[in-house]
Amino acid sequence: MNTDYLESFVKVVEYKSIAEAARRLNITSGAVAARIKNLEEELESTLILRSGQTVKPTEAGMRIYEGAKALIQNARDLHAIASTGSLDGEFKLGVFPSALTTHLPVLMEKFCQTYPRLSIYIAYGVSAELYRKVHDGQLDIAIVIEPPFALSKTCVWQPLQEEPLIVIAPPVLGGRDAHDLLLSEPFIRYDRAAHSGKLVDRYLKDNNIVPNQRLEIDSLLTIVSLVERGVGVSLVPDSFSIWYQTSGIVKIPLPERTPIRRIGLVWAKHGPRTALVEALVQHAKEVFG
């Protein structure tokens, strides 16, 4: 059975959308639909039902869903064992989107040097999705934003870094007051549906700041690139001490108390790769401490 077909089916069920599954798999929607059709023909069962732009699994689809996920992971583990000789299989690490370009490269640099034969699979998604996957055993550990709810007693949370909000602006605007920039310059807003965007929105409202909004987007790296090009200024969590080394922007502290974004690791207490998880946690403490 082709695991690519199974993975396409699992993604469609998870995201309730063929288009979103295609985006996650970096293939076309037509290719996803064709894979699922081939899988349905092989299993002689209808696996999903389409209703407009959304899809949902049939009873047969739900019956094979968990088994499909297990087969996909077993295939990855076998590939990792064959290629690296590791008895642990594939180490699965989740990362929320912004951390793909901030925290992850810094964390992986020396960890990969320490474990040169370790096979690591990186999954990305919003923090709430990553918590669920850690809890369900689909991920060994994840870099996430601190949850606004109590974690399950089966999981552990380790804070790594606190990131206050700061204003970022082109260097030509350096030296000006942060609130003045937010009020007078074109504003690039962190998407209000995202956790970080909610922190930004709260600060603006608490300080009666109504910015001249030009763009709204959920991508820290894109916001930085736009600020570098003089499109506007922005209010974002300060991840820049970790990863940003050039002179393309200036950081301007806020005059008032700012909400804090806390970044950390979450993992299950009794996972199959406990030793590797503990090694990564210790390494992360050293890197971000």
Protein backbone atom coordinates (compact mmCIF):
# COMPACT_ATOMS: atom_id res chain seq x y z
CA MET A 1 0.00 0.00 0.00
CA ASN A 2 1.40 3.40 -1.01
CA THR A 3 2.02 5.51 2.10
CA ASP A 4 1.82 8.69 0.01
CA TYR A 5 -1.84 7.86 -0.63
CA LEU A 6 -2.39 7.25 3.08
CA GLU A 7 -0.70 10.53 4.01
CA SER A 8 -2.89 12.47 1.59
CA PHE A 9 -5.98 10.86 3.11
CA VAL A 10 -4.83 11.64 6.67
CA LYS A 11 -4.12 15.29 5.81
CA VAL A 12 -7.53 15.71 4.20
CA VAL A 13 -9.22 14.31 7.32
CA GLU A 14 -7.09 16.49 9.64
CA TYR A 15 -7.68 19.75 7.76
CA LYS A 16 -11.16 18.97 6.36
CA SER A 17 -10.02 20.34 3.01
CA ILE A 18 -8.37 18.90 -0.09
CA ALA A 19 -6.87 22.31 -0.92
CA GLU A 20 -5.30 22.70 2.54
CA ALA A 21 -4.00 19.13 2.47
CA ALA A 22 -2.42 19.87 -0.91
CA ARG A 23 -0.78 23.01 0.47
CA ARG A 24 0.64 21.10 3.43
CA LEU A 25 1.96 18.34 1.16
CA ASN A 26 3.26 20.82 -1.44
CA ILE A 27 1.36 19.16 -4.28
CA THR A 28 -1.71 20.09 -6.31
CA SER A 29 -5.29 19.55 -5.19
CA GLY A 30 -5.78 17.32 -8.22
CA ALA A 31 -2.90 15.11 -7.10
CA VAL A 32 -4.42 14.76 -3.61
CA ALA A 33 -7.82 13.86 -5.06
CA ALA A 34 -6.22 11.31 -7.39
CA ARG A 35 -4.30 9.68 -4.53
CA ILE A 36 -7.44 9.32 -2.44
CA LYS A 37 -9.35 7.90 -5.40
CA ASN A 38 -6.59 5.31 -5.92
CA LEU A 39 -6.69 4.46 -2.21
CA GLU A 40 -10.47 4.08 -2.30
CA GLU A 41 -10.20 1.76 -5.31
CA GLU A 42 -7.54 -0.32 -3.58
CA LEU A 43 -9.61 -0.64 -0.39
CA GLU A 44 -12.90 -0.91 -2.31
CA SER A 45 -14.49 1.64 0.02
CA THR A 46 -15.47 5.30 -0.12
CA LEU A 47 -13.27 7.11 2.42
CA ILE A 48 -14.35 10.76 2.22
CA LEU A 49 -17.49 12.70 1.38
CA ARG A 50 -17.28 16.08 -0.36
CA SER A 51 -19.65 18.93 0.47
CA GLY A 52 -18.73 22.17 -1.28
CA GLN A 53 -15.24 23.21 -0.19
CA THR A 54 -15.18 20.89 2.84
CA VAL A 55 -14.79 17.15 3.16
CA LYS A 56 -15.36 14.67 5.96
CA PRO A 57 -14.50 11.00 6.37
CA THR A 58 -17.05 8.28 5.90
CA GLU A 59 -17.51 5.53 8.50
CA ALA A 60 -14.99 3.45 6.55
CA GLY A 61 -12.62 6.42 6.50
CA MET A 62 -12.84 6.84 10.26
CA ARG A 63 -12.21 3.13 10.77
CA ILE A 64 -8.88 3.26 8.90
CA TYR A 65 -7.79 6.76 10.04
CA GLU A 66 -5.80 5.78 13.15
CA GLY A 67 -4.31 2.76 11.43
CA ALA A 68 -3.26 4.92 8.49
CA LYS A 69 -1.41 7.32 10.78
CA ALA A 70 0.36 4.40 12.46
CA LEU A 71 1.39 2.91 9.11
CA ILE A 72 2.81 6.25 7.95
CA GLN A 73 4.87 6.63 11.10
CA ASN A 74 6.04 3.01 11.00
CA ALA A 75 7.22 3.54 7.42
CA ARG A 76 9.17 6.63 8.46
CA ASP A 77 10.70 4.77 11.40
CA LEU A 78 11.76 1.90 9.15
CA HIS A 79 13.35 4.33 6.71
CA ALA A 80 15.21 6.05 9.55
CA ILE A 81 16.42 2.75 10.99
CA ALA A 82 17.60 1.54 7.57
CA SER A 83 19.41 4.76 6.68
CA THR A 84 20.96 5.60 10.07
CA GLY A 85 21.16 2.32 11.95
CA SER A 86 19.26 3.95 14.81
CA LEU A 87 17.06 1.69 16.91
CA ASP A 88 14.95 4.70 17.87
CA GLY A 89 13.54 5.34 14.44
CA GLU A 90 12.54 8.86 13.50
CA PHE A 91 12.53 11.66 16.11
CA LYS A 92 9.45 13.84 15.61
CA LEU A 93 9.67 17.53 16.52
CA GLY A 94 6.82 20.03 16.17
CA VAL A 95 7.38 23.76 15.64
CA PHE A 96 4.95 26.69 15.48
CA PRO A 97 5.35 28.70 12.23
CA SER A 98 7.33 31.75 13.44
CA ALA A 99 9.83 29.52 15.25
CA LEU A 100 10.76 27.82 11.97
CA THR A 101 13.01 30.79 11.21
CA THR A 102 13.84 31.88 14.77
CA HIS A 103 14.17 29.19 17.41
CA LEU A 104 14.44 26.01 15.33
CA PRO A 105 17.70 26.74 13.43
CA VAL A 106 19.45 27.83 16.63
CA LEU A 107 18.23 24.75 18.50
CA MET A 108 19.13 22.28 15.75
CA GLU A 109 22.62 23.57 14.95
CA LYS A 110 24.60 21.86 17.72
CA PHE A 111 22.01 19.21 18.51
CA CYS A 112 22.46 17.76 15.02
CA GLN A 113 26.22 17.89 15.50
CA THR A 114 25.86 15.91 18.72
CA TYR A 115 23.59 13.32 17.09
CA PRO A 116 24.85 13.21 13.47
CA ARG A 117 23.03 9.97 12.61
CA LEU A 118 19.69 10.92 14.14
CA SER A 119 16.79 11.23 11.68
CA ILE A 120 14.53 14.15 12.64
CA TYR A 121 11.11 14.88 11.18
CA ILE A 122 9.94 18.50 11.56
CA ALA A 123 6.18 19.15 11.61
CA TYR A 124 4.80 22.68 11.78
CA GLY A 125 1.43 24.01 12.82
CA VAL A 126 -0.28 26.30 15.28
CA SER A 127 0.58 25.66 18.92
CA ALA A 128 -2.84 24.19 19.84
CA GLU A 129 -2.50 21.64 17.04
CA LEU A 130 1.00 20.72 18.21
CA TYR A 131 -0.17 20.21 21.83
CA ARG A 132 -2.77 17.74 20.59
CA LYS A 133 -0.24 15.83 18.51
CA VAL A 134 2.19 15.59 21.44
CA HIS A 135 -0.63 14.39 23.70
CA ASP A 136 -1.74 11.83 21.11
CA GLY A 137 1.81 10.53 20.60
CA GLN A 138 2.17 11.82 17.04
CA LEU A 139 5.08 14.06 18.06
CA ASP A 140 7.87 13.40 20.55
CA ILE A 141 8.23 17.07 21.54
CA ALA A 142 7.23 20.50 20.22
CA ILE A 143 8.39 24.13 20.34
CA VAL A 144 5.24 26.10 21.15
CA ILE A 145 3.80 29.29 22.57
CA GLU A 146 2.75 28.85 26.21
CA PRO A 147 -0.78 27.44 26.28
CA PRO A 148 -3.59 29.58 27.71
CA PHE A 149 -5.04 26.43 29.32
CA ALA A 150 -3.84 23.76 31.75
CA LEU A 151 -1.90 20.97 30.07
CA SER A 152 -2.78 17.32 30.54
CA LYS A 153 -1.04 15.68 33.50
CA THR A 154 0.64 13.36 31.00
CA CYS A 155 2.56 16.29 29.43
CA VAL A 156 5.39 18.54 30.62
CA TRP A 157 5.94 22.24 29.87
CA GLN A 158 9.43 23.80 29.93
CA PRO A 159 9.63 27.59 29.38
CA LEU A 160 12.62 28.74 27.34
CA GLN A 161 12.22 32.42 26.57
CA GLU A 162 10.07 35.47 27.28
CA GLU A 163 9.49 37.85 24.37
CA PRO A 164 8.06 41.31 25.11
CA LEU A 165 6.46 43.27 22.29
CA ILE A 166 8.63 45.81 20.50
CA VAL A 167 8.22 48.19 17.57
CA ILE A 168 10.35 47.41 14.52
CA ALA A 169 10.99 50.09 11.91
CA PRO A 170 13.35 50.95 9.04
CA PRO A 171 16.65 52.41 10.33
CA VAL A 172 15.75 55.87 8.99
CA LEU A 173 12.99 56.03 11.64
CA GLY A 174 15.26 55.09 14.52
CA GLY A 175 15.24 57.37 17.53
CA ARG A 176 11.54 58.24 17.32
CA ASP A 177 9.00 57.41 20.03
CA ALA A 178 7.40 53.99 19.66
CA HIS A 179 3.84 55.23 20.12
CA ASP A 180 4.41 58.08 17.69
CA LEU A 181 5.52 55.59 15.04
CA LEU A 182 2.48 53.38 15.65
CA LEU A 183 0.16 56.36 15.29
CA SER A 184 1.76 58.11 12.33
CA GLU A 185 3.48 55.52 10.10
CA PRO A 186 1.82 52.86 7.90
CA PHE A 187 1.24 49.84 10.13
CA ILE A 188 1.88 46.17 9.30
CA ARG A 189 -0.29 44.20 11.71
CA TYR A 190 0.33 40.72 13.06
CA ASP A 191 -2.79 38.71 12.19
CA ARG A 192 -5.34 39.17 14.98
CA ALA A 193 -6.39 35.53 14.74
CA ALA A 194 -2.90 34.42 15.80
CA HIS A 195 -1.78 34.30 19.44
CA SER A 196 0.89 36.95 18.87
CA GLY A 197 -1.58 39.11 16.98
CA LYS A 198 -3.92 39.00 19.97
CA LEU A 199 -1.12 40.30 22.22
CA VAL A 200 -0.50 43.14 19.78
CA ASP A 201 -4.19 43.98 19.59
CA ARG A 202 -4.48 44.03 23.38
CA TYR A 203 -1.56 46.47 23.72
CA LEU A 204 -2.93 48.82 21.06
CA LYS A 205 -6.37 48.87 22.67
CA ASP A 206 -5.02 49.30 26.21
CA ASN A 207 -3.08 52.37 25.06
CA ASN A 208 -5.82 53.81 22.79
CA ILE A 209 -3.64 53.49 19.70
CA VAL A 210 -5.48 53.27 16.38
CA PRO A 211 -2.77 52.67 13.77
CA ASN A 212 -2.90 53.48 10.07
CA GLN A 213 -3.09 49.83 9.01
CA ARG A 214 -1.64 48.91 5.64
CA LEU A 215 -1.34 45.11 5.83
CA GLU A 216 -2.31 42.25 8.15
CA ILE A 217 -0.51 38.91 7.96
CA ASP A 218 0.42 35.92 10.15
CA SER A 219 4.12 35.66 9.31
CA LEU A 220 6.89 37.24 11.36
CA LEU A 221 9.49 36.74 8.64
CA THR A 222 7.27 38.44 6.05
CA ILE A 223 6.58 41.35 8.42
CA VAL A 224 10.32 41.83 8.92
CA SER A 225 10.94 41.76 5.17
CA LEU A 226 8.21 44.37 4.59
CA VAL A 227 9.62 46.65 7.30
CA GLU A 228 13.10 46.31 5.77
CA ARG A 229 11.69 47.50 2.46
CA GLY A 230 10.13 50.57 4.01
CA VAL A 231 6.50 49.43 3.63
CA GLY A 232 5.71 50.38 7.22
CA VAL A 233 6.39 49.71 10.91
CA SER A 234 5.14 46.86 13.05
CA LEU A 235 4.58 45.69 16.62
CA VAL A 236 5.83 42.14 17.18
CA PRO A 237 7.28 39.81 19.84
CA ASP A 238 11.03 40.31 20.28
CA SER A 239 12.51 37.13 18.80
CA PHE A 240 15.27 39.10 17.14
CA SER A 241 17.92 38.57 19.79
CA ILE A 242 17.91 34.92 18.72
CA TRP A 243 18.18 35.10 14.99
CA TYR A 244 18.25 38.54 13.41
CA GLN A 245 21.79 39.82 12.84
CA THR A 246 21.60 42.45 10.08
CA SER A 247 21.04 46.21 10.14
CA GLY A 248 17.85 46.18 8.07
CA ILE A 249 15.59 47.18 10.98
CA VAL A 250 15.77 48.97 14.31
CA LYS A 251 14.06 47.82 17.50
CA ILE A 252 12.27 50.48 19.54
CA PRO A 253 11.08 49.56 23.07
CA LEU A 254 7.57 50.43 24.19
CA PRO A 255 7.09 53.05 26.94
CA GLU A 256 4.33 51.08 28.67
CA ARG A 257 4.23 47.61 30.19
CA THR A 258 3.91 45.11 27.35
CA PRO A 259 2.27 41.69 27.08
CA ILE A 260 4.79 38.84 27.02
CA ARG A 261 4.89 35.92 24.60
CA ARG A 262 6.41 32.87 26.30
CA ILE A 263 8.09 30.20 24.20
CA GLY A 264 8.84 26.72 25.45
CA LEU A 265 8.82 22.98 24.91
CA VAL A 266 6.02 20.51 25.55
CA TRP A 267 6.39 16.73 25.59
CA ALA A 268 4.76 13.59 26.97
CA LYS A 269 6.16 12.20 30.23
CA HIS A 270 6.28 8.62 28.99
CA GLY A 271 7.07 8.69 25.27
CA PRO A 272 9.00 6.10 23.25
CA ARG A 273 12.08 8.34 22.86
CA THR A 274 12.44 9.71 26.39
CA ALA A 275 16.25 9.82 26.36
CA LEU A 276 16.35 11.90 23.17
CA VAL A 277 13.62 14.21 24.47
CA GLU A 278 15.53 14.80 27.70
CA ALA A 279 18.71 15.48 25.71
CA LEU A 280 16.93 18.05 23.53
CA VAL A 281 15.35 19.74 26.57
CA GLN A 282 18.73 20.05 28.28
CA HIS A 283 20.31 21.38 25.09
CA ALA A 284 17.49 23.93 24.70
CA LYS A 285 18.01 25.16 28.28
CA GLU A 286 21.70 25.75 27.49
CA VAL A 287 20.99 27.48 24.17
CA PHE A 288 18.24 29.81 25.39
CA GLY A 289 19.31 30.13 29.02
